[in-house]
Amino acid sequence: MRNLWIFINRYNAFFLFIIFFTLGIILTVKNNDYQRSVTLNSTNQVVGRAYEDLNVLKKYLNLGQVNDSLAAENAKLYTQLLNLKNIDSAKNVLVKDTLNKQQYTYLAARVIKNSITLRNNFITINKGSADGIEEKMPVISPQYGVVGFVHNVSEHLATVRSLLNKDTKVSVIVKNIPTAFGSLVWGEKNYDYQKAYVKDIPNHFKVKLKDTIVTSGLGAFPSGIPVGRISNAGVATGDNFLTIEISLFNDFSALQYVYVVKNKFAKEQEALESKSPHE
């Protein structure tokens, strides 16, 4: 306290100047219309700019929440779109409640961990069994590209076996040649996260550069989901089948959101097929 008093006493002239200067400004603004209007305008500009900057900061801090909301809304729209594509046109007029007859629905999830440089890459998402996620469910990206399959599930999280994994195989076709079936694999020649390969397409099919590869619908994925474009139409293998190099549509290095695809009839199909005789 004594030091504070010594400080004030030493600089009392400065403090008196500040006090009288402030009083002078207040009296000038209060008693003169021009100075008052200039001060108010300047104050409003400063305050307005401060609120503008604050709103920008708030919007930036809320981007994560906004993106989550948009991803969930897009999942609903994709579900409706897929439902419309899968309606049998011959029975379209008879469908009363298409929502109950749809086979696939989408659930949006955020990527919280991802690898692209390993031989076997996995992705972790922020949805789990509490959200209805189950093992083997297919996963796609917002750009409608193949991402992989759900591998392990906990209550609130799940891991996805990425397409960039030696154990991942997806049934695909050449879009312009619906009967040209093949298997989509990764790492056949190199471990480039932007490239993949389609194997086992009979070599009598005339595929072309930049032809689009899409899912066939024979596996877990819905049919017609774009995968990539052909970048090398005939990698030599020495047999009667083609190995085609494709450039993937998905940029796995920038993956932030994915959609888990729920197949309403998956368990029914699996139970039925398990009863079929196997050699």
C-alpha atoms as a PDB file:
ATOM      1  CA  MET A   1       0.000   0.000   0.000  1.00  0.00           C
ATOM      2  CA  ARG A   2       2.853   2.353   0.873  1.00  0.00           C
ATOM      3  CA  ASN A   3       4.515   1.649  -2.508  1.00  0.00           C
ATOM      4  CA  LEU A   4       1.244   2.387  -4.310  1.00  0.00           C
ATOM      5  CA  TRP A   5       0.941   5.717  -2.527  1.00  0.00           C
ATOM      6  CA  ILE A   6       4.565   6.598  -3.411  1.00  0.00           C
ATOM      7  CA  PHE A   7       3.872   5.701  -7.068  1.00  0.00           C
ATOM      8  CA  ILE A   8       0.740   7.892  -7.208  1.00  0.00           C
ATOM      9  CA  ASN A   9       2.502  10.778  -5.470  1.00  0.00           C
ATOM     10  CA  ARG A  10       5.434  10.595  -7.875  1.00  0.00           C
ATOM     11  CA  TYR A  11       3.260  10.660 -10.986  1.00  0.00           C
ATOM     12  CA  ASN A  12       0.385  12.799  -9.665  1.00  0.00           C
ATOM     13  CA  ALA A  13       0.826  15.394 -12.395  1.00  0.00           C
ATOM     14  CA  PHE A  14       0.359  12.757 -15.077  1.00  0.00           C
ATOM     15  CA  PHE A  15      -2.767  11.336 -13.419  1.00  0.00           C
ATOM     16  CA  LEU A  16      -4.229  14.847 -13.004  1.00  0.00           C
ATOM     17  CA  PHE A  17      -3.603  15.507 -16.678  1.00  0.00           C
ATOM     18  CA  ILE A  18      -5.441  12.313 -17.652  1.00  0.00           C
ATOM     19  CA  ILE A  19      -8.385  13.185 -15.400  1.00  0.00           C
ATOM     20  CA  PHE A  20      -8.739  16.770 -16.656  1.00  0.00           C
ATOM     21  CA  PHE A  21      -8.182  15.716 -20.262  1.00  0.00           C
ATOM     22  CA  THR A  22     -10.955  13.115 -19.992  1.00  0.00           C
ATOM     23  CA  LEU A  23     -13.302  15.625 -18.353  1.00  0.00           C
ATOM     24  CA  GLY A  24     -12.539  18.130 -21.109  1.00  0.00           C
ATOM     25  CA  ILE A  25     -13.415  15.611 -23.819  1.00  0.00           C
ATOM     26  CA  ILE A  26     -16.649  14.635 -22.046  1.00  0.00           C
ATOM     27  CA  LEU A  27     -17.721  18.278 -21.627  1.00  0.00           C
ATOM     28  CA  THR A  28     -16.819  19.113 -25.224  1.00  0.00           C
ATOM     29  CA  VAL A  29     -18.782  16.195 -26.641  1.00  0.00           C
ATOM     30  CA  LYS A  30     -21.715  16.777 -24.317  1.00  0.00           C
ATOM     31  CA  ASN A  31     -22.110  20.484 -25.070  1.00  0.00           C
ATOM     32  CA  ASN A  32     -21.359  20.579 -28.819  1.00  0.00           C
ATOM     33  CA  ASP A  33     -23.638  18.944 -31.379  1.00  0.00           C
ATOM     34  CA  TYR A  34     -20.959  18.491 -34.052  1.00  0.00           C
ATOM     35  CA  GLN A  35     -18.405  16.854 -31.748  1.00  0.00           C
ATOM     36  CA  ARG A  36     -21.157  14.664 -30.271  1.00  0.00           C
ATOM     37  CA  SER A  37     -22.297  13.403 -33.689  1.00  0.00           C
ATOM     38  CA  VAL A  38     -18.696  12.697 -34.816  1.00  0.00           C
ATOM     39  CA  THR A  39     -17.985  10.798 -31.607  1.00  0.00           C
ATOM     40  CA  LEU A  40     -21.158   8.728 -31.859  1.00  0.00           C
ATOM     41  CA  ASN A  41     -20.469   7.838 -35.486  1.00  0.00           C
ATOM     42  CA  SER A  42     -16.903   6.834 -34.710  1.00  0.00           C
ATOM     43  CA  THR A  43     -18.027   4.785 -31.712  1.00  0.00           C
ATOM     44  CA  ASN A  44     -20.693   3.023 -33.757  1.00  0.00           C
ATOM     45  CA  GLN A  45     -18.144   2.151 -36.412  1.00  0.00           C
ATOM     46  CA  VAL A  46     -15.733   0.728 -33.856  1.00  0.00           C
ATOM     47  CA  VAL A  47     -18.459  -1.237 -32.084  1.00  0.00           C
ATOM     48  CA  GLY A  48     -19.891  -2.464 -35.379  1.00  0.00           C
ATOM     49  CA  ARG A  49     -16.494  -3.677 -36.554  1.00  0.00           C
ATOM     50  CA  ALA A  50     -15.942  -5.400 -33.218  1.00  0.00           C
ATOM     51  CA  TYR A  51     -19.291  -7.228 -33.500  1.00  0.00           C
ATOM     52  CA  GLU A  52     -18.489  -8.180 -37.089  1.00  0.00           C
ATOM     53  CA  ASP A  53     -15.137  -9.658 -36.069  1.00  0.00           C
ATOM     54  CA  LEU A  54     -16.809 -11.443 -33.157  1.00  0.00           C
ATOM     55  CA  ASN A  55     -19.425 -12.967 -35.475  1.00  0.00           C
ATOM     56  CA  VAL A  56     -16.690 -14.178 -37.840  1.00  0.00           C
ATOM     57  CA  LEU A  57     -14.931 -15.798 -34.896  1.00  0.00           C
ATOM     58  CA  LYS A  58     -18.160 -17.435 -33.718  1.00  0.00           C
ATOM     59  CA  LYS A  59     -18.865 -18.783 -37.206  1.00  0.00           C
ATOM     60  CA  TYR A  60     -15.348 -20.206 -37.396  1.00  0.00           C
ATOM     61  CA  LEU A  61     -15.674 -21.882 -34.001  1.00  0.00           C
ATOM     62  CA  ASN A  62     -19.045 -23.359 -35.043  1.00  0.00           C
ATOM     63  CA  LEU A  63     -17.797 -24.762 -38.374  1.00  0.00           C
ATOM     64  CA  GLY A  64     -17.448 -28.261 -36.949  1.00  0.00           C
ATOM     65  CA  GLN A  65     -21.044 -28.291 -35.736  1.00  0.00           C
ATOM     66  CA  VAL A  66     -22.292 -26.838 -39.029  1.00  0.00           C
ATOM     67  CA  ASN A  67     -20.389 -29.457 -41.036  1.00  0.00           C
ATOM     68  CA  ASP A  68     -21.810 -32.264 -38.873  1.00  0.00           C
ATOM     69  CA  SER A  69     -25.306 -30.924 -39.478  1.00  0.00           C
ATOM     70  CA  LEU A  70     -24.768 -30.637 -43.241  1.00  0.00           C
ATOM     71  CA  ALA A  71     -23.332 -34.147 -43.422  1.00  0.00           C
ATOM     72  CA  ALA A  72     -26.371 -35.560 -41.613  1.00  0.00           C
ATOM     73  CA  GLU A  73     -28.726 -33.658 -43.919  1.00  0.00           C
ATOM     74  CA  ASN A  74     -26.866 -34.863 -47.007  1.00  0.00           C
ATOM     75  CA  ALA A  75     -27.147 -38.438 -45.733  1.00  0.00           C
ATOM     76  CA  LYS A  76     -30.936 -38.057 -45.641  1.00  0.00           C
ATOM     77  CA  LEU A  77     -30.964 -36.629 -49.169  1.00  0.00           C
ATOM     78  CA  TYR A  78     -28.755 -39.440 -50.486  1.00  0.00           C
ATOM     79  CA  THR A  79     -31.106 -41.962 -48.903  1.00  0.00           C
ATOM     80  CA  GLN A  80     -34.099 -40.395 -50.637  1.00  0.00           C
ATOM     81  CA  LEU A  81     -32.226 -40.204 -53.939  1.00  0.00           C
ATOM     82  CA  LEU A  82     -31.144 -43.828 -53.773  1.00  0.00           C
ATOM     83  CA  ASN A  83     -34.684 -44.847 -52.884  1.00  0.00           C
ATOM     84  CA  LEU A  84     -36.032 -43.078 -55.959  1.00  0.00           C
ATOM     85  CA  LYS A  85     -33.413 -44.736 -58.191  1.00  0.00           C
ATOM     86  CA  ASN A  86     -34.311 -48.197 -56.902  1.00  0.00           C
ATOM     87  CA  ILE A  87     -38.098 -47.940 -57.378  1.00  0.00           C
ATOM     88  CA  ASP A  88     -39.340 -50.417 -59.957  1.00  0.00           C
ATOM     89  CA  SER A  89     -40.774 -48.192 -62.687  1.00  0.00           C
ATOM     90  CA  ALA A  90     -43.350 -50.843 -63.607  1.00  0.00           C
ATOM     91  CA  LYS A  91     -44.773 -50.743 -60.084  1.00  0.00           C
ATOM     92  CA  ASN A  92     -44.131 -47.094 -59.381  1.00  0.00           C
ATOM     93  CA  VAL A  93     -47.796 -46.152 -59.415  1.00  0.00           C
ATOM     94  CA  LEU A  94     -48.570 -48.874 -56.867  1.00  0.00           C
ATOM     95  CA  VAL A  95     -46.007 -47.744 -54.277  1.00  0.00           C
ATOM     96  CA  LYS A  96     -47.795 -45.996 -51.413  1.00  0.00           C
ATOM     97  CA  ASP A  97     -45.000 -45.681 -48.887  1.00  0.00           C
ATOM     98  CA  THR A  98     -41.606 -45.750 -50.567  1.00  0.00           C
ATOM     99  CA  LEU A  99     -39.850 -44.967 -47.276  1.00  0.00           C
ATOM    100  CA  ASN A 100     -40.817 -48.354 -45.832  1.00  0.00           C
ATOM    101  CA  LYS A 101     -39.752 -50.175 -49.004  1.00  0.00           C
ATOM    102  CA  GLN A 102     -36.308 -48.647 -49.399  1.00  0.00           C
ATOM    103  CA  GLN A 103     -33.388 -51.018 -49.141  1.00  0.00           C
ATOM    104  CA  TYR A 104     -30.594 -48.594 -48.246  1.00  0.00           C
ATOM    105  CA  THR A 105     -30.210 -45.717 -45.825  1.00  0.00           C
ATOM    106  CA  TYR A 106     -27.184 -43.559 -45.047  1.00  0.00           C
ATOM    107  CA  LEU A 107     -25.713 -42.499 -41.723  1.00  0.00           C
ATOM    108  CA  ALA A 108     -23.248 -39.598 -41.690  1.00  0.00           C
ATOM    109  CA  ALA A 109     -20.060 -39.967 -39.614  1.00  0.00           C
ATOM    110  CA  ARG A 110     -16.971 -37.852 -39.065  1.00  0.00           C
ATOM    111  CA  VAL A 111     -13.483 -39.228 -39.653  1.00  0.00           C
ATOM    112  CA  ILE A 112     -11.358 -38.855 -36.508  1.00  0.00           C
ATOM    113  CA  LYS A 113      -8.355 -40.935 -37.622  1.00  0.00           C
ATOM    114  CA  ASN A 114      -7.125 -42.009 -41.031  1.00  0.00           C
ATOM    115  CA  SER A 115      -4.031 -43.615 -42.545  1.00  0.00           C
ATOM    116  CA  ILE A 116      -3.009 -43.777 -46.203  1.00  0.00           C
ATOM    117  CA  THR A 117       0.686 -44.747 -46.165  1.00  0.00           C
ATOM    118  CA  LEU A 118       0.458 -48.298 -44.777  1.00  0.00           C
ATOM    119  CA  ARG A 119      -0.083 -51.580 -46.597  1.00  0.00           C
ATOM    120  CA  ASN A 120      -3.267 -52.096 -44.593  1.00  0.00           C
ATOM    121  CA  ASN A 121      -4.957 -48.774 -43.848  1.00  0.00           C
ATOM    122  CA  PHE A 122      -7.836 -48.185 -41.452  1.00  0.00           C
ATOM    123  CA  ILE A 123     -10.149 -45.269 -40.679  1.00  0.00           C
ATOM    124  CA  THR A 124     -11.798 -44.444 -37.341  1.00  0.00           C
ATOM    125  CA  ILE A 125     -15.210 -42.745 -37.336  1.00  0.00           C
ATOM    126  CA  ASN A 126     -17.248 -41.145 -34.534  1.00  0.00           C
ATOM    127  CA  LYS A 127     -20.287 -43.440 -34.780  1.00  0.00           C
ATOM    128  CA  GLY A 128     -20.741 -46.887 -33.250  1.00  0.00           C
ATOM    129  CA  SER A 129     -23.247 -49.541 -32.202  1.00  0.00           C
ATOM    130  CA  ALA A 130     -25.325 -46.941 -30.322  1.00  0.00           C
ATOM    131  CA  ASP A 131     -25.964 -45.349 -33.722  1.00  0.00           C
ATOM    132  CA  GLY A 132     -26.812 -48.639 -35.425  1.00  0.00           C
ATOM    133  CA  ILE A 133     -23.383 -49.281 -36.955  1.00  0.00           C
ATOM    134  CA  GLU A 134     -22.527 -52.933 -37.506  1.00  0.00           C
ATOM    135  CA  GLU A 135     -19.544 -54.839 -38.863  1.00  0.00           C
ATOM    136  CA  LYS A 136     -19.270 -55.337 -42.631  1.00  0.00           C
ATOM    137  CA  MET A 137     -21.415 -52.317 -43.469  1.00  0.00           C
ATOM    138  CA  PRO A 138     -20.114 -50.547 -46.597  1.00  0.00           C
ATOM    139  CA  VAL A 139     -18.860 -46.989 -46.308  1.00  0.00           C
ATOM    140  CA  ILE A 140     -18.824 -44.291 -49.003  1.00  0.00           C
ATOM    141  CA  SER A 141     -17.699 -40.673 -49.146  1.00  0.00           C
ATOM    142  CA  PRO A 142     -19.758 -37.494 -49.679  1.00  0.00           C
ATOM    143  CA  GLN A 143     -18.425 -37.517 -53.250  1.00  0.00           C
ATOM    144  CA  TYR A 144     -20.131 -40.901 -53.625  1.00  0.00           C
ATOM    145  CA  GLY A 145     -16.878 -42.862 -53.855  1.00  0.00           C
ATOM    146  CA  VAL A 146     -16.098 -46.202 -52.197  1.00  0.00           C
ATOM    147  CA  VAL A 147     -14.300 -45.838 -48.832  1.00  0.00           C
ATOM    148  CA  GLY A 148     -14.337 -49.375 -47.382  1.00  0.00           C
ATOM    149  CA  PHE A 149     -16.134 -51.653 -44.909  1.00  0.00           C
ATOM    150  CA  VAL A 150     -16.858 -51.325 -41.192  1.00  0.00           C
ATOM    151  CA  HIS A 151     -14.313 -53.546 -39.442  1.00  0.00           C
ATOM    152  CA  ASN A 152     -14.771 -53.267 -35.654  1.00  0.00           C
ATOM    153  CA  VAL A 153     -17.464 -51.492 -33.659  1.00  0.00           C
ATOM    154  CA  SER A 154     -17.638 -50.121 -30.113  1.00  0.00           C
ATOM    155  CA  GLU A 155     -20.550 -48.272 -28.552  1.00  0.00           C
ATOM    156  CA  HIS A 156     -19.617 -44.840 -29.898  1.00  0.00           C
ATOM    157  CA  LEU A 157     -16.830 -45.492 -32.418  1.00  0.00           C
ATOM    158  CA  ALA A 158     -16.024 -47.788 -35.311  1.00  0.00           C
ATOM    159  CA  THR A 159     -13.033 -48.636 -37.464  1.00  0.00           C
ATOM    160  CA  VAL A 160     -13.322 -48.946 -41.225  1.00  0.00           C
ATOM    161  CA  ARG A 161     -11.139 -51.234 -43.318  1.00  0.00           C
ATOM    162  CA  SER A 162     -10.164 -48.751 -45.984  1.00  0.00           C
ATOM    163  CA  LEU A 163     -10.187 -49.432 -49.702  1.00  0.00           C
ATOM    164  CA  LEU A 164      -6.454 -48.840 -49.269  1.00  0.00           C
ATOM    165  CA  ASN A 165      -6.071 -52.269 -47.681  1.00  0.00           C
ATOM    166  CA  LYS A 166      -4.891 -55.566 -49.205  1.00  0.00           C
ATOM    167  CA  ASP A 167      -7.931 -57.410 -47.777  1.00  0.00           C
ATOM    168  CA  THR A 168     -10.529 -55.081 -49.327  1.00  0.00           C
ATOM    169  CA  LYS A 169     -12.228 -56.220 -52.516  1.00  0.00           C
ATOM    170  CA  VAL A 170     -15.266 -54.634 -54.162  1.00  0.00           C
ATOM    171  CA  SER A 171     -17.324 -55.955 -57.074  1.00  0.00           C
ATOM    172  CA  VAL A 172     -17.366 -53.364 -59.873  1.00  0.00           C
ATOM    173  CA  ILE A 173     -18.242 -52.959 -63.541  1.00  0.00           C
ATOM    174  CA  VAL A 174     -17.276 -50.650 -66.374  1.00  0.00           C
ATOM    175  CA  LYS A 175     -20.153 -48.176 -66.529  1.00  0.00           C
ATOM    176  CA  ASN A 176     -20.379 -48.248 -70.322  1.00  0.00           C
ATOM    177  CA  ILE A 177     -20.136 -52.067 -70.389  1.00  0.00           C
ATOM    178  CA  PRO A 178     -22.581 -53.369 -67.735  1.00  0.00           C
ATOM    179  CA  THR A 179     -21.511 -56.996 -68.281  1.00  0.00           C
ATOM    180  CA  ALA A 180     -17.794 -56.300 -67.712  1.00  0.00           C
ATOM    181  CA  PHE A 181     -17.502 -57.386 -64.086  1.00  0.00           C
ATOM    182  CA  GLY A 182     -14.291 -57.224 -62.090  1.00  0.00           C
ATOM    183  CA  SER A 183     -12.815 -56.960 -58.593  1.00  0.00           C
ATOM    184  CA  LEU A 184     -11.548 -53.641 -57.288  1.00  0.00           C
ATOM    185  CA  VAL A 185      -8.321 -54.011 -55.274  1.00  0.00           C
ATOM    186  CA  TRP A 186      -5.536 -51.736 -54.044  1.00  0.00           C
ATOM    187  CA  GLY A 187      -1.766 -52.054 -53.953  1.00  0.00           C
ATOM    188  CA  GLU A 188      -1.541 -54.486 -56.857  1.00  0.00           C
ATOM    189  CA  LYS A 189       1.430 -52.635 -58.367  1.00  0.00           C
ATOM    190  CA  ASN A 190       2.194 -49.847 -55.884  1.00  0.00           C
ATOM    191  CA  TYR A 191       0.804 -48.191 -52.759  1.00  0.00           C
ATOM    192  CA  ASP A 192      -0.415 -44.944 -54.322  1.00  0.00           C
ATOM    193  CA  TYR A 193      -3.508 -43.723 -52.408  1.00  0.00           C
ATOM    194  CA  GLN A 194      -4.833 -42.171 -55.638  1.00  0.00           C
ATOM    195  CA  LYS A 195      -4.686 -45.388 -57.679  1.00  0.00           C
ATOM    196  CA  ALA A 196      -6.388 -48.787 -57.561  1.00  0.00           C
ATOM    197  CA  TYR A 197      -6.819 -51.769 -59.882  1.00  0.00           C
ATOM    198  CA  VAL A 198      -9.691 -53.727 -61.377  1.00  0.00           C
ATOM    199  CA  LYS A 199      -8.878 -57.403 -61.938  1.00  0.00           C
ATOM    200  CA  ASP A 200     -10.551 -60.354 -63.630  1.00  0.00           C
ATOM    201  CA  ILE A 201     -12.299 -58.526 -66.474  1.00  0.00           C
ATOM    202  CA  PRO A 202     -12.190 -60.836 -69.536  1.00  0.00           C
ATOM    203  CA  ASN A 203      -9.819 -59.410 -72.116  1.00  0.00           C
ATOM    204  CA  HIS A 204     -12.351 -59.540 -74.954  1.00  0.00           C
ATOM    205  CA  PHE A 205     -14.030 -56.450 -73.497  1.00  0.00           C
ATOM    206  CA  LYS A 206     -12.826 -53.246 -75.162  1.00  0.00           C
ATOM    207  CA  VAL A 207     -12.385 -50.846 -72.287  1.00  0.00           C
ATOM    208  CA  LYS A 208     -11.173 -47.315 -72.928  1.00  0.00           C
ATOM    209  CA  LEU A 209      -9.165 -44.689 -71.096  1.00  0.00           C
ATOM    210  CA  LYS A 210     -11.280 -42.447 -68.870  1.00  0.00           C
ATOM    211  CA  ASP A 211     -14.173 -44.934 -68.790  1.00  0.00           C
ATOM    212  CA  THR A 212     -15.882 -44.760 -65.397  1.00  0.00           C
ATOM    213  CA  ILE A 213     -15.792 -47.695 -62.982  1.00  0.00           C
ATOM    214  CA  VAL A 214     -18.852 -48.110 -60.711  1.00  0.00           C
ATOM    215  CA  THR A 215     -20.016 -50.642 -58.146  1.00  0.00           C
ATOM    216  CA  SER A 216     -21.877 -53.603 -59.632  1.00  0.00           C
ATOM    217  CA  GLY A 217     -24.431 -54.122 -56.855  1.00  0.00           C
ATOM    218  CA  LEU A 218     -23.385 -57.771 -56.406  1.00  0.00           C
ATOM    219  CA  GLY A 219     -21.629 -57.104 -53.115  1.00  0.00           C
ATOM    220  CA  ALA A 220     -22.492 -55.010 -50.092  1.00  0.00           C
ATOM    221  CA  PHE A 221     -22.453 -51.694 -51.953  1.00  0.00           C
ATOM    222  CA  PRO A 222     -25.489 -50.373 -53.819  1.00  0.00           C
ATOM    223  CA  SER A 223     -25.064 -50.475 -57.592  1.00  0.00           C
ATOM    224  CA  GLY A 224     -23.826 -47.538 -59.608  1.00  0.00           C
ATOM    225  CA  ILE A 225     -21.600 -45.815 -57.040  1.00  0.00           C
ATOM    226  CA  PRO A 226     -18.718 -44.161 -58.941  1.00  0.00           C
ATOM    227  CA  VAL A 227     -15.265 -45.429 -57.977  1.00  0.00           C
ATOM    228  CA  GLY A 228     -12.803 -43.931 -60.455  1.00  0.00           C
ATOM    229  CA  ARG A 229     -11.723 -43.517 -64.080  1.00  0.00           C
ATOM    230  CA  ILE A 230      -9.534 -45.839 -66.111  1.00  0.00           C
ATOM    231  CA  SER A 231      -5.999 -44.463 -66.373  1.00  0.00           C
ATOM    232  CA  ASN A 232      -4.378 -47.570 -67.926  1.00  0.00           C
ATOM    233  CA  ALA A 233      -6.697 -49.770 -69.963  1.00  0.00           C
ATOM    234  CA  GLY A 234      -4.616 -52.933 -70.095  1.00  0.00           C
ATOM    235  CA  VAL A 235      -1.944 -53.807 -67.575  1.00  0.00           C
ATOM    236  CA  ALA A 236      -0.377 -57.020 -68.899  1.00  0.00           C
ATOM    237  CA  THR A 237      -0.906 -60.115 -66.734  1.00  0.00           C
ATOM    238  CA  GLY A 238      -0.201 -62.927 -69.208  1.00  0.00           C
ATOM    239  CA  ASP A 239      -3.642 -64.556 -68.933  1.00  0.00           C
ATOM    240  CA  ASN A 240      -7.127 -64.116 -70.379  1.00  0.00           C
ATOM    241  CA  PHE A 241      -8.125 -61.340 -68.024  1.00  0.00           C
ATOM    242  CA  LEU A 242      -7.387 -57.635 -67.865  1.00  0.00           C
ATOM    243  CA  THR A 243      -5.908 -55.773 -64.936  1.00  0.00           C
ATOM    244  CA  ILE A 244      -7.013 -52.164 -65.278  1.00  0.00           C
ATOM    245  CA  GLU A 245      -5.447 -49.238 -63.427  1.00  0.00           C
ATOM    246  CA  ILE A 246      -7.889 -46.543 -62.293  1.00  0.00           C
ATOM    247  CA  SER A 247      -7.601 -43.102 -60.749  1.00  0.00           C
ATOM    248  CA  LEU A 248      -9.813 -43.009 -57.668  1.00  0.00           C
ATOM    249  CA  PHE A 249     -12.440 -40.307 -57.283  1.00  0.00           C
ATOM    250  CA  ASN A 250     -11.878 -40.232 -53.524  1.00  0.00           C
ATOM    251  CA  ASP A 251      -9.006 -38.205 -52.127  1.00  0.00           C
ATOM    252  CA  PHE A 252      -8.271 -40.345 -49.078  1.00  0.00           C
ATOM    253  CA  SER A 253      -5.753 -37.801 -47.783  1.00  0.00           C
ATOM    254  CA  ALA A 254      -8.541 -35.218 -47.321  1.00  0.00           C
ATOM    255  CA  LEU A 255     -11.329 -37.473 -46.053  1.00  0.00           C
ATOM    256  CA  GLN A 256     -13.345 -35.713 -43.309  1.00  0.00           C
ATOM    257  CA  TYR A 257     -16.856 -37.168 -43.507  1.00  0.00           C
ATOM    258  CA  VAL A 258     -18.211 -40.514 -44.682  1.00  0.00           C
ATOM    259  CA  TYR A 259     -21.590 -42.217 -45.027  1.00  0.00           C
ATOM    260  CA  VAL A 260     -22.183 -45.680 -43.603  1.00  0.00           C
ATOM    261  CA  VAL A 261     -24.646 -47.580 -45.808  1.00  0.00           C
ATOM    262  CA  LYS A 262     -27.316 -49.616 -44.046  1.00  0.00           C
ATOM    263  CA  ASN A 263     -28.807 -52.424 -46.132  1.00  0.00           C
ATOM    264  CA  LYS A 264     -32.252 -53.289 -44.809  1.00  0.00           C
ATOM    265  CA  PHE A 265     -32.026 -56.813 -46.218  1.00  0.00           C
ATOM    266  CA  ALA A 266     -28.376 -57.572 -45.408  1.00  0.00           C
ATOM    267  CA  LYS A 267     -29.053 -59.995 -42.540  1.00  0.00           C
ATOM    268  CA  GLU A 268     -31.861 -61.696 -44.446  1.00  0.00           C
ATOM    269  CA  GLN A 269     -29.578 -62.194 -47.453  1.00  0.00           C
ATOM    270  CA  GLU A 270     -26.697 -63.454 -45.296  1.00  0.00           C
ATOM    271  CA  ALA A 271     -28.966 -65.940 -43.477  1.00  0.00           C
ATOM    272  CA  LEU A 272     -30.390 -67.202 -46.769  1.00  0.00           C
ATOM    273  CA  GLU A 273     -26.998 -67.604 -48.420  1.00  0.00           C
ATOM    274  CA  SER A 274     -25.599 -69.423 -45.391  1.00  0.00           C
ATOM    275  CA  LYS A 275     -28.154 -72.169 -45.990  1.00  0.00           C
ATOM    276  CA  SER A 276     -26.977 -72.734 -49.565  1.00  0.00           C
ATOM    277  CA  PRO A 277     -24.677 -75.727 -50.128  1.00  0.00           C
ATOM    278  CA  HIS A 278     -20.970 -74.941 -50.420  1.00  0.00           C
ATOM    279  CA  GLU A 279     -18.311 -77.068 -52.007  1.00  0.00           C
END
